[in-house]
Each structure stands twice: as C-alpha cells, then as structure tokens.
Amino acid sequence: MKAVLCTLLVLSLVLCAVSCGTRYDEEDFLGKSSVQIVGKHGEFDCVSRHPDADGLYKNAACGYILRAARKGLLGTEPDTLFFISFDENGIAVSCYEGYRPGG
C-alpha cells in the first residue's frame, strides 16, 4: 500500500512539474538591465521592439515562454509567457504573465 501511495505522489509531482512549466521569480529581474537578464536567462522568446546598439531593450516588453501553445478539444491554448517591462534606460520595472501578442 505504501508503494502505491509513493508512486501516486511521484506521478502527481511529475505531472504538476510538466503542466506548470518554468517559473520565474520577478525579484530575479526587477532593477536589472535587459543585457544582464539575457546574459543569465538567454535570449527572449518574444520582444515588442528590437534592442539598441548596446543590446538594451528600452521602452519594451520582452518575454520567456512559461507554457507552450497546446491543442485541446476546445481549441488551441496560446503560449503563456512571463513578460518583463523595461523603462527608457533598459531597466526592468515590472513583470507579469500574459499571452503572446497576436496569437
């Protein structure tokens, strides 16, 4: 009985990890430049504008995919992203979850 419960617990944790996607902590982003963020987390999956000559995303929102789009019985669920908004200096000022613009 114990083995069955342990197996169910492990399966539940694995399914949750797969369905929940990657999680980001906004404290890792706020106050940092877009160059620092890209250096640590890699290129963004979605950007609202191109970086300047110094690689800074100014007055922009950029995002990393949390959950990729999925087809289901009721239609397609769009990509869910973790967005970071940058000010005029390329510094992260806010974070939020949302959907890829236009789809």
PDB file of N, CA and C in Angstrom:
ATOM      1  N   MET A   1       0.825  -1.196   0.000  1.00  0.00           N
ATOM      2  CA  MET A   1       0.000   0.000   0.000  1.00  0.00           C
ATOM      3  C   MET A   1       0.870   1.261   0.000  1.00  0.00           C
ATOM      4  N   LYS A   2       1.954   1.220   0.786  1.00  0.00           N
ATOM      5  CA  LYS A   2       2.853   2.358   0.856  1.00  0.00           C
ATOM      6  C   LYS A   2       3.498   2.637  -0.505  1.00  0.00           C
ATOM      7  N   ALA A   3       3.859   1.580  -1.200  1.00  0.00           N
ATOM      8  CA  ALA A   3       4.484   1.726  -2.512  1.00  0.00           C
ATOM      9  C   ALA A   3       3.527   2.374  -3.504  1.00  0.00           C
ATOM     10  N   VAL A   4       2.261   2.001  -3.435  1.00  0.00           N
ATOM     11  CA  VAL A   4       1.264   2.577  -4.343  1.00  0.00           C
ATOM     12  C   VAL A   4       1.097   4.063  -4.062  1.00  0.00           C
ATOM     13  N   LEU A   5       1.019   4.438  -2.803  1.00  0.00           N
ATOM     14  CA  LEU A   5       0.883   5.846  -2.432  1.00  0.00           C
ATOM     15  C   LEU A   5       2.106   6.650  -2.866  1.00  0.00           C
ATOM     16  N   CYS A   6       3.286   6.100  -2.662  1.00  0.00           N
ATOM     17  CA  CYS A   6       4.516   6.781  -3.078  1.00  0.00           C
ATOM     18  C   CYS A   6       4.550   6.959  -4.592  1.00  0.00           C
ATOM     19  N   THR A   7       4.144   5.940  -5.315  1.00  0.00           N
ATOM     20  CA  THR A   7       4.115   6.015  -6.777  1.00  0.00           C
ATOM     21  C   THR A   7       3.136   7.093  -7.239  1.00  0.00           C
ATOM     22  N   LEU A   8       1.963   7.135  -6.633  1.00  0.00           N
ATOM     23  CA  LEU A   8       0.981   8.154  -6.984  1.00  0.00           C
ATOM     24  C   LEU A   8       1.488   9.558  -6.668  1.00  0.00           C
ATOM     25  N   LEU A   9       2.154   9.708  -5.558  1.00  0.00           N
ATOM     26  CA  LEU A   9       2.717  11.001  -5.179  1.00  0.00           C
ATOM     27  C   LEU A   9       3.773  11.447  -6.184  1.00  0.00           C
ATOM     28  N   VAL A  10       4.657  10.555  -6.555  1.00  0.00           N
ATOM     29  CA  VAL A  10       5.710  10.887  -7.517  1.00  0.00           C
ATOM     30  C   VAL A  10       5.097  11.244  -8.872  1.00  0.00           C
ATOM     31  N   LEU A  11       4.134  10.463  -9.328  1.00  0.00           N
ATOM     32  CA  LEU A  11       3.470  10.759 -10.596  1.00  0.00           C
ATOM     33  C   LEU A  11       2.769  12.114 -10.560  1.00  0.00           C
ATOM     34  N   SER A  12       2.135  12.429  -9.454  1.00  0.00           N
ATOM     35  CA  SER A  12       1.467  13.719  -9.312  1.00  0.00           C
ATOM     36  C   SER A  12       2.460  14.864  -9.391  1.00  0.00           C
ATOM     37  N   LEU A  13       3.587  14.721  -8.728  1.00  0.00           N
ATOM     38  CA  LEU A  13       4.612  15.761  -8.760  1.00  0.00           C
ATOM     39  C   LEU A  13       5.180  15.944 -10.161  1.00  0.00           C
ATOM     40  N   VAL A  14       5.414  14.845 -10.852  1.00  0.00           N
ATOM     41  CA  VAL A  14       5.939  14.916 -12.223  1.00  0.00           C
ATOM     42  C   VAL A  14       4.930  15.598 -13.143  1.00  0.00           C
ATOM     43  N   LEU A  15       3.669  15.211 -13.052  1.00  0.00           N
ATOM     44  CA  LEU A  15       2.644  15.831 -13.884  1.00  0.00           C
ATOM     45  C   LEU A  15       2.493  17.314 -13.593  1.00  0.00           C
ATOM     46  N   CYS A  16       2.573  17.679 -12.352  1.00  0.00           N
ATOM     47  CA  CYS A  16       2.478  19.093 -11.978  1.00  0.00           C
ATOM     48  C   CYS A  16       3.662  19.865 -12.551  1.00  0.00           C
ATOM     49  N   ALA A  17       4.844  19.311 -12.441  1.00  0.00           N
ATOM     50  CA  ALA A  17       6.041  19.973 -12.957  1.00  0.00           C
ATOM     51  C   ALA A  17       5.943  20.166 -14.464  1.00  0.00           C
ATOM     52  N   VAL A  18       5.429  19.173 -15.158  1.00  0.00           N
ATOM     53  CA  VAL A  18       5.304  19.264 -16.613  1.00  0.00           C
ATOM     54  C   VAL A  18       4.234  20.272 -17.001  1.00  0.00           C
ATOM     55  N   SER A  19       3.102  20.247 -16.339  1.00  0.00           N
ATOM     56  CA  SER A  19       1.998  21.122 -16.712  1.00  0.00           C
ATOM     57  C   SER A  19       2.204  22.557 -16.241  1.00  0.00           C
ATOM     58  N   CYS A  20       2.930  22.750 -15.165  1.00  0.00           N
ATOM     59  CA  CYS A  20       3.122  24.095 -14.630  1.00  0.00           C
ATOM     60  C   CYS A  20       4.153  24.892 -15.426  1.00  0.00           C
ATOM     61  N   GLY A  21       5.033  24.229 -16.132  1.00  0.00           N
ATOM     62  CA  GLY A  21       6.046  24.932 -16.907  1.00  0.00           C
ATOM     63  C   GLY A  21       7.120  25.532 -16.018  1.00  0.00           C
ATOM     64  N   THR A  22       7.949  26.343 -16.639  1.00  0.00           N
ATOM     65  CA  THR A  22       9.037  27.004 -15.927  1.00  0.00           C
ATOM     66  C   THR A  22       8.466  28.163 -15.128  1.00  0.00           C
ATOM     67  N   ARG A  23       8.993  28.393 -13.966  1.00  0.00           N
ATOM     68  CA  ARG A  23       8.566  29.522 -13.143  1.00  0.00           C
ATOM     69  C   ARG A  23       9.727  30.491 -12.985  1.00  0.00           C
ATOM     70  N   TYR A  24       9.397  31.760 -13.016  1.00  0.00           N
ATOM     71  CA  TYR A  24      10.395  32.796 -12.805  1.00  0.00           C
ATOM     72  C   TYR A  24       9.998  33.600 -11.583  1.00  0.00           C
ATOM     73  N   ASP A  25      10.975  34.097 -10.867  1.00  0.00           N
ATOM     74  CA  ASP A  25      10.744  34.935  -9.704  1.00  0.00           C
ATOM     75  C   ASP A  25      11.057  36.366 -10.112  1.00  0.00           C
ATOM     76  N   GLU A  26      10.065  37.248 -10.037  1.00  0.00           N
ATOM     77  CA  GLU A  26      10.281  38.610 -10.520  1.00  0.00           C
ATOM     78  C   GLU A  26      11.421  39.323  -9.803  1.00  0.00           C
ATOM     79  N   GLU A  27      11.756  38.904  -8.603  1.00  0.00           N
ATOM     80  CA  GLU A  27      12.883  39.516  -7.884  1.00  0.00           C
ATOM     81  C   GLU A  27      14.215  39.291  -8.608  1.00  0.00           C
ATOM     82  N   ASP A  28      14.279  38.241  -9.455  1.00  0.00           N
ATOM     83  CA  ASP A  28      15.485  37.987 -10.241  1.00  0.00           C
ATOM     84  C   ASP A  28      15.624  38.960 -11.404  1.00  0.00           C
ATOM     85  N   PHE A  29      14.576  39.719 -11.712  1.00  0.00           N
ATOM     86  CA  PHE A  29      14.558  40.577 -12.885  1.00  0.00           C
ATOM     87  C   PHE A  29      14.492  42.069 -12.560  1.00  0.00           C
ATOM     88  N   LEU A  30      13.651  42.439 -11.594  1.00  0.00           N
ATOM     89  CA  LEU A  30      13.422  43.853 -11.299  1.00  0.00           C
ATOM     90  C   LEU A  30      14.715  44.572 -10.939  1.00  0.00           C
ATOM     91  N   GLY A  31      14.922  45.738 -11.573  1.00  0.00           N
ATOM     92  CA  GLY A  31      16.104  46.548 -11.304  1.00  0.00           C
ATOM     93  C   GLY A  31      17.331  46.156 -12.118  1.00  0.00           C
ATOM     94  N   LYS A  32      17.220  45.096 -12.891  1.00  0.00           N
ATOM     95  CA  LYS A  32      18.354  44.652 -13.708  1.00  0.00           C
ATOM     96  C   LYS A  32      18.166  45.131 -15.139  1.00  0.00           C
ATOM     97  N   SER A  33      19.276  45.280 -15.848  1.00  0.00           N
ATOM     98  CA  SER A  33      19.196  45.696 -17.245  1.00  0.00           C
ATOM     99  C   SER A  33      18.820  44.498 -18.108  1.00  0.00           C
ATOM    100  N   SER A  34      18.298  44.787 -19.278  1.00  0.00           N
ATOM    101  CA  SER A  34      17.945  43.709 -20.203  1.00  0.00           C
ATOM    102  C   SER A  34      19.186  42.921 -20.613  1.00  0.00           C
ATOM    103  N   VAL A  35      20.337  43.568 -20.667  1.00  0.00           N
ATOM    104  CA  VAL A  35      21.587  42.879 -21.004  1.00  0.00           C
ATOM    105  C   VAL A  35      21.937  41.857 -19.917  1.00  0.00           C
ATOM    106  N   GLN A  36      21.785  42.243 -18.652  1.00  0.00           N
ATOM    107  CA  GLN A  36      22.055  41.320 -17.542  1.00  0.00           C
ATOM    108  C   GLN A  36      21.093  40.128 -17.583  1.00  0.00           C
ATOM    109  N   ILE A  37      19.831  40.394 -17.861  1.00  0.00           N
ATOM    110  CA  ILE A  37      18.823  39.337 -17.882  1.00  0.00           C
ATOM    111  C   ILE A  37      19.097  38.355 -19.016  1.00  0.00           C
ATOM    112  N   VAL A  38      19.380  38.866 -20.200  1.00  0.00           N
ATOM    113  CA  VAL A  38      19.681  37.989 -21.341  1.00  0.00           C
ATOM    114  C   VAL A  38      20.951  37.190 -21.060  1.00  0.00           C
ATOM    115  N   GLY A  39      21.930  37.805 -20.403  1.00  0.00           N
ATOM    116  CA  GLY A  39      23.160  37.098 -20.060  1.00  0.00           C
ATOM    117  C   GLY A  39      22.928  35.926 -19.126  1.00  0.00           C
ATOM    118  N   LYS A  40      21.961  36.047 -18.224  1.00  0.00           N
ATOM    119  CA  LYS A  40      21.685  34.986 -17.255  1.00  0.00           C
ATOM    120  C   LYS A  40      20.654  33.970 -17.751  1.00  0.00           C
ATOM    121  N   HIS A  41      19.604  34.446 -18.436  1.00  0.00           N
ATOM    122  CA  HIS A  41      18.482  33.584 -18.794  1.00  0.00           C
ATOM    123  C   HIS A  41      18.392  33.263 -20.287  1.00  0.00           C
ATOM    124  N   GLY A  42      19.225  33.865 -21.103  1.00  0.00           N
ATOM    125  CA  GLY A  42      19.190  33.620 -22.543  1.00  0.00           C
ATOM    126  C   GLY A  42      18.306  34.610 -23.274  1.00  0.00           C
ATOM    127  N   GLU A  43      18.312  34.492 -24.606  1.00  0.00           N
ATOM    128  CA  GLU A  43      17.531  35.398 -25.447  1.00  0.00           C
ATOM    129  C   GLU A  43      16.037  35.263 -25.140  1.00  0.00           C
ATOM    130  N   PHE A  44      15.326  36.371 -25.300  1.00  0.00           N
ATOM    131  CA  PHE A  44      13.883  36.377 -25.077  1.00  0.00           C
ATOM    132  C   PHE A  44      13.178  35.593 -26.181  1.00  0.00           C
ATOM    133  N   ASP A  45      12.032  35.014 -25.839  1.00  0.00           N
ATOM    134  CA  ASP A  45      11.216  34.296 -26.813  1.00  0.00           C
ATOM    135  C   ASP A  45      10.272  35.232 -27.561  1.00  0.00           C
ATOM    136  N   CYS A  46      10.017  36.399 -26.995  1.00  0.00           N
ATOM    137  CA  CYS A  46       9.086  37.361 -27.584  1.00  0.00           C
ATOM    138  C   CYS A  46       9.542  38.763 -27.186  1.00  0.00           C
ATOM    139  N   VAL A  47       9.603  39.672 -28.145  1.00  0.00           N
ATOM    140  CA  VAL A  47      10.004  41.057 -27.852  1.00  0.00           C
ATOM    141  C   VAL A  47       9.063  42.018 -28.559  1.00  0.00           C
ATOM    142  N   SER A  48       8.828  43.176 -27.948  1.00  0.00           N
ATOM    143  CA  SER A  48       7.950  44.168 -28.553  1.00  0.00           C
ATOM    144  C   SER A  48       8.711  45.135 -29.452  1.00  0.00           C
ATOM    145  N   ARG A  49      10.022  45.211 -29.278  1.00  0.00           N
ATOM    146  CA  ARG A  49      10.862  46.039 -30.151  1.00  0.00           C
ATOM    147  C   ARG A  49      12.288  45.534 -30.098  1.00  0.00           C
ATOM    148  N   HIS A  50      13.074  45.938 -31.058  1.00  0.00           N
ATOM    149  CA  HIS A  50      14.461  45.486 -31.154  1.00  0.00           C
ATOM    150  C   HIS A  50      15.347  46.213 -30.142  1.00  0.00           C
ATOM    151  N   PRO A  51      16.458  45.583 -29.728  1.00  0.00           N
ATOM    152  CA  PRO A  51      17.376  46.248 -28.805  1.00  0.00           C
ATOM    153  C   PRO A  51      18.152  47.354 -29.522  1.00  0.00           C
ATOM    154  N   ASP A  52      18.689  48.283 -28.722  1.00  0.00           N
ATOM    155  CA  ASP A  52      19.511  49.336 -29.309  1.00  0.00           C
ATOM    156  C   ASP A  52      20.916  48.795 -29.581  1.00  0.00           C
ATOM    157  N   ALA A  53      21.813  49.654 -29.980  1.00  0.00           N
ATOM    158  CA  ALA A  53      23.175  49.238 -30.344  1.00  0.00           C
ATOM    159  C   ALA A  53      23.927  48.614 -29.167  1.00  0.00           C
ATOM    160  N   ASP A  54      23.538  48.962 -27.939  1.00  0.00           N
ATOM    161  CA  ASP A  54      24.187  48.409 -26.746  1.00  0.00           C
ATOM    162  C   ASP A  54      23.527  47.115 -26.275  1.00  0.00           C
ATOM    163  N   GLY A  55      22.509  46.647 -27.000  1.00  0.00           N
ATOM    164  CA  GLY A  55      21.806  45.421 -26.621  1.00  0.00           C
ATOM    165  C   GLY A  55      20.710  45.628 -25.598  1.00  0.00           C
ATOM    166  N   LEU A  56      20.378  46.896 -25.300  1.00  0.00           N
ATOM    167  CA  LEU A  56      19.335  47.188 -24.316  1.00  0.00           C
ATOM    168  C   LEU A  56      17.967  47.276 -24.979  1.00  0.00           C
ATOM    169  N   TYR A  57      16.992  46.647 -24.344  1.00  0.00           N
ATOM    170  CA  TYR A  57      15.606  46.754 -24.781  1.00  0.00           C
ATOM    171  C   TYR A  57      15.004  47.907 -23.987  1.00  0.00           C
ATOM    172  N   LYS A  58      14.838  49.062 -24.640  1.00  0.00           N
ATOM    173  CA  LYS A  58      14.319  50.252 -23.974  1.00  0.00           C
ATOM    174  C   LYS A  58      12.855  50.451 -24.327  1.00  0.00           C
ATOM    175  N   ASN A  59      12.048  50.848 -23.314  1.00  0.00           N
ATOM    176  CA  ASN A  59      10.609  51.046 -23.502  1.00  0.00           C
ATOM    177  C   ASN A  59      10.001  49.844 -24.214  1.00  0.00           C
ATOM    178  N   ALA A  60      10.296  48.684 -23.716  1.00  0.00           N
ATOM    179  CA  ALA A  60       9.866  47.451 -24.367  1.00  0.00           C
ATOM    180  C   ALA A  60       9.347  46.448 -23.345  1.00  0.00           C
ATOM    181  N   ALA A  61       8.616  45.462 -23.848  1.00  0.00           N
ATOM    182  CA  ALA A  61       8.204  44.304 -23.050  1.00  0.00           C
ATOM    183  C   ALA A  61       8.765  43.076 -23.756  1.00  0.00           C
ATOM    184  N   CYS A  62       9.443  42.246 -22.997  1.00  0.00           N
ATOM    185  CA  CYS A  62      10.063  41.046 -23.552  1.00  0.00           C
ATOM    186  C   CYS A  62       9.638  39.860 -22.693  1.00  0.00           C
ATOM    187  N   GLY A  63       9.551  38.684 -23.308  1.00  0.00           N
ATOM    188  CA  GLY A  63       9.041  37.548 -22.554  1.00  0.00           C
ATOM    189  C   GLY A  63       9.732  36.228 -22.811  1.00  0.00           C
ATOM    190  N   TYR A  64       9.599  35.363 -21.817  1.00  0.00           N
ATOM    191  CA  TYR A  64      10.057  33.980 -21.879  1.00  0.00           C
ATOM    192  C   TYR A  64       8.830  33.078 -21.815  1.00  0.00           C
ATOM    193  N   ILE A  65       8.822  32.017 -22.608  1.00  0.00           N
ATOM    194  CA  ILE A  65       7.683  31.099 -22.616  1.00  0.00           C
ATOM    195  C   ILE A  65       7.630  30.312 -21.305  1.00  0.00           C
ATOM    196  N   LEU A  66       6.461  30.352 -20.666  1.00  0.00           N
ATOM    197  CA  LEU A  66       6.202  29.533 -19.482  1.00  0.00           C
ATOM    198  C   LEU A  66       5.573  28.215 -19.894  1.00  0.00           C
ATOM    199  N   ARG A  67       4.558  28.298 -20.761  1.00  0.00           N
ATOM    200  CA  ARG A  67       3.860  27.118 -21.277  1.00  0.00           C
ATOM    201  C   ARG A  67       3.644  27.316 -22.765  1.00  0.00           C
ATOM    202  N   ALA A  68       4.112  26.354 -23.536  1.00  0.00           N
ATOM    203  CA  ALA A  68       3.940  26.421 -24.988  1.00  0.00           C
ATOM    204  C   ALA A  68       2.484  26.181 -25.361  1.00  0.00           C
ATOM    205  N   ALA A  69       2.100  26.699 -26.519  1.00  0.00           N
ATOM    206  CA  ALA A  69       0.734  26.523 -27.020  1.00  0.00           C
ATOM    207  C   ALA A  69       0.396  25.039 -27.105  1.00  0.00           C
ATOM    208  N   ARG A  70      -0.863  24.734 -26.798  1.00  0.00           N
ATOM    209  CA  ARG A  70      -1.320  23.342 -26.831  1.00  0.00           C
ATOM    210  C   ARG A  70      -2.664  23.261 -27.524  1.00  0.00           C
ATOM    211  N   LYS A  71      -2.831  22.219 -28.309  1.00  0.00           N
ATOM    212  CA  LYS A  71      -4.137  21.963 -28.921  1.00  0.00           C
ATOM    213  C   LYS A  71      -4.933  21.077 -27.990  1.00  0.00           C
ATOM    214  N   GLY A  72      -6.190  21.423 -27.837  1.00  0.00           N
ATOM    215  CA  GLY A  72      -7.071  20.636 -26.989  1.00  0.00           C
ATOM    216  C   GLY A  72      -8.404  20.411 -27.673  1.00  0.00           C
ATOM    217  N   LEU A  73      -9.302  19.793 -26.969  1.00  0.00           N
ATOM    218  CA  LEU A  73     -10.621  19.513 -27.520  1.00  0.00           C
ATOM    219  C   LEU A  73     -11.417  20.779 -27.806  1.00  0.00           C
ATOM    220  N   LEU A  74     -11.160  21.817 -27.035  1.00  0.00           N
ATOM    221  CA  LEU A  74     -11.920  23.061 -27.186  1.00  0.00           C
ATOM    222  C   LEU A  74     -11.164  24.132 -27.962  1.00  0.00           C
ATOM    223  N   GLY A  75     -10.097  23.750 -28.649  1.00  0.00           N
ATOM    224  CA  GLY A  75      -9.321  24.706 -29.422  1.00  0.00           C
ATOM    225  C   GLY A  75      -7.873  24.738 -28.977  1.00  0.00           C
ATOM    226  N   THR A  76      -7.147  25.754 -29.439  1.00  0.00           N
ATOM    227  CA  THR A  76      -5.733  25.885 -29.127  1.00  0.00           C
ATOM    228  C   THR A  76      -5.538  26.898 -28.010  1.00  0.00           C
ATOM    229  N   GLU A  77      -4.775  26.511 -27.024  1.00  0.00           N
ATOM    230  CA  GLU A  77      -4.391  27.423 -25.942  1.00  0.00           C
ATOM    231  C   GLU A  77      -3.100  28.103 -26.380  1.00  0.00           C
ATOM    232  N   PRO A  78      -3.037  29.453 -26.385  1.00  0.00           N
ATOM    233  CA  PRO A  78      -1.832  30.141 -26.853  1.00  0.00           C
ATOM    234  C   PRO A  78      -0.663  29.991 -25.878  1.00  0.00           C
ATOM    235  N   ASP A  79       0.530  30.359 -26.356  1.00  0.00           N
ATOM    236  CA  ASP A  79       1.706  30.386 -25.479  1.00  0.00           C
ATOM    237  C   ASP A  79       1.425  31.291 -24.291  1.00  0.00           C
ATOM    238  N   THR A  80       1.833  30.866 -23.109  1.00  0.00           N
ATOM    239  CA  THR A  80       1.785  31.712 -21.925  1.00  0.00           C
ATOM    240  C   THR A  80       3.214  32.150 -21.660  1.00  0.00           C
ATOM    241  N   LEU A  81       3.407  33.452 -21.515  1.00  0.00           N
ATOM    242  CA  LEU A  81       4.750  33.991 -21.333  1.00  0.00           C
ATOM    243  C   LEU A  81       4.888  34.753 -20.023  1.00  0.00           C
ATOM    244  N   PHE A  82       6.120  34.831 -19.562  1.00  0.00           N
ATOM    245  CA  PHE A  82       6.487  35.671 -18.423  1.00  0.00           C
ATOM    246  C   PHE A  82       7.124  36.905 -19.043  1.00  0.00           C
ATOM    247  N   PHE A  83       6.419  38.042 -18.960  1.00  0.00           N
ATOM    248  CA  PHE A  83       6.903  39.286 -19.563  1.00  0.00           C
ATOM    249  C   PHE A  83       7.642  40.145 -18.554  1.00  0.00           C
ATOM    250  N   ILE A  84       8.643  40.839 -19.052  1.00  0.00           N
ATOM    251  CA  ILE A  84       9.390  41.824 -18.276  1.00  0.00           C
ATOM    252  C   ILE A  84       9.279  43.145 -19.027  1.00  0.00           C
ATOM    253  N   SER A  85       8.831  44.199 -18.345  1.00  0.00           N
ATOM    254  CA  SER A  85       8.733  45.523 -18.959  1.00  0.00           C
ATOM    255  C   SER A  85       9.968  46.329 -18.594  1.00  0.00           C
ATOM    256  N   PHE A  86      10.528  46.982 -19.591  1.00  0.00           N
ATOM    257  CA  PHE A  86      11.735  47.784 -19.414  1.00  0.00           C
ATOM    258  C   PHE A  86      11.431  49.261 -19.613  1.00  0.00           C
ATOM    259  N   ASP A  87      12.097  50.108 -18.832  1.00  0.00           N
ATOM    260  CA  ASP A  87      11.913  51.547 -18.940  1.00  0.00           C
ATOM    261  C   ASP A  87      12.803  52.135 -20.037  1.00  0.00           C
ATOM    262  N   GLU A  88      12.863  53.466 -20.084  1.00  0.00           N
ATOM    263  CA  GLU A  88      13.630  54.155 -21.124  1.00  0.00           C
ATOM    264  C   GLU A  88      15.141  53.924 -21.026  1.00  0.00           C
ATOM    265  N   ASN A  89      15.594  53.366 -19.905  1.00  0.00           N
ATOM    266  CA  ASN A  89      17.023  53.066 -19.726  1.00  0.00           C
ATOM    267  C   ASN A  89      17.340  51.581 -19.908  1.00  0.00           C
ATOM    268  N   GLY A  90      16.321  50.788 -20.224  1.00  0.00           N
ATOM    269  CA  GLY A  90      16.529  49.356 -20.402  1.00  0.00           C
ATOM    270  C   GLY A  90      16.575  48.580 -19.100  1.00  0.00           C
ATOM    271  N   ILE A  91      15.979  49.157 -18.034  1.00  0.00           N
ATOM    272  CA  ILE A  91      15.950  48.527 -16.712  1.00  0.00           C
ATOM    273  C   ILE A  91      14.562  47.932 -16.470  1.00  0.00           C
ATOM    274  N   ALA A  92      14.523  46.709 -15.954  1.00  0.00           N
ATOM    275  CA  ALA A  92      13.255  46.026 -15.688  1.00  0.00           C
ATOM    276  C   ALA A  92      12.498  46.730 -14.567  1.00  0.00           C
ATOM    277  N   VAL A  93      11.241  47.091 -14.858  1.00  0.00           N
ATOM    278  CA  VAL A  93      10.426  47.800 -13.868  1.00  0.00           C
ATOM    279  C   VAL A  93       9.199  47.011 -13.422  1.00  0.00           C
ATOM    280  N   SER A  94       8.773  46.019 -14.215  1.00  0.00           N
ATOM    281  CA  SER A  94       7.639  45.193 -13.806  1.00  0.00           C
ATOM    282  C   SER A  94       7.672  43.863 -14.546  1.00  0.00           C
ATOM    283  N   CYS A  95       6.950  42.882 -13.973  1.00  0.00           N
ATOM    284  CA  CYS A  95       6.855  41.545 -14.552  1.00  0.00           C
ATOM    285  C   CYS A  95       5.401  41.097 -14.473  1.00  0.00           C
ATOM    286  N   TYR A  96       4.988  40.300 -15.437  1.00  0.00           N
ATOM    287  CA  TYR A  96       3.625  39.774 -15.431  1.00  0.00           C
ATOM    288  C   TYR A  96       3.510  38.604 -16.393  1.00  0.00           C
ATOM    289  N   GLU A  97       2.515  37.759 -16.189  1.00  0.00           N
ATOM    290  CA  GLU A  97       2.231  36.667 -17.108  1.00  0.00           C
ATOM    291  C   GLU A  97       1.211  37.133 -18.125  1.00  0.00           C
ATOM    292  N   GLY A  98       1.349  36.659 -19.359  1.00  0.00           N
ATOM    293  CA  GLY A  98       0.405  37.027 -20.402  1.00  0.00           C
ATOM    294  C   GLY A  98       0.548  36.105 -21.594  1.00  0.00           C
ATOM    295  N   TYR A  99      -0.153  36.472 -22.657  1.00  0.00           N
ATOM    296  CA  TYR A  99      -0.138  35.681 -23.877  1.00  0.00           C
ATOM    297  C   TYR A  99       0.630  36.410 -24.967  1.00  0.00           C
ATOM    298  N   ARG A 100       1.220  35.625 -25.869  1.00  0.00           N
ATOM    299  CA  ARG A 100       1.963  36.207 -26.983  1.00  0.00           C
ATOM    300  C   ARG A 100       1.015  37.102 -27.794  1.00  0.00           C
ATOM    301  N   PRO A 101       1.431  38.347 -28.050  1.00  0.00           N
ATOM    302  CA  PRO A 101       0.586  39.242 -28.847  1.00  0.00           C
ATOM    303  C   PRO A 101       0.288  38.659 -30.226  1.00  0.00           C
ATOM    304  N   GLY A 102      -0.942  38.821 -30.659  1.00  0.00           N
ATOM    305  CA  GLY A 102      -1.332  38.354 -31.984  1.00  0.00           C
ATOM    306  C   GLY A 102      -1.590  36.878 -32.081  1.00  0.00           C
ATOM    307  N   GLY A 103      -1.648  36.191 -30.963  1.00  0.00           N
ATOM    308  CA  GLY A 103      -1.951  34.780 -31.103  1.00  0.00           C
ATOM    309  C   GLY A 103      -1.732  34.038 -29.883  1.00  0.00           C
TER     310      GLY A 103
END
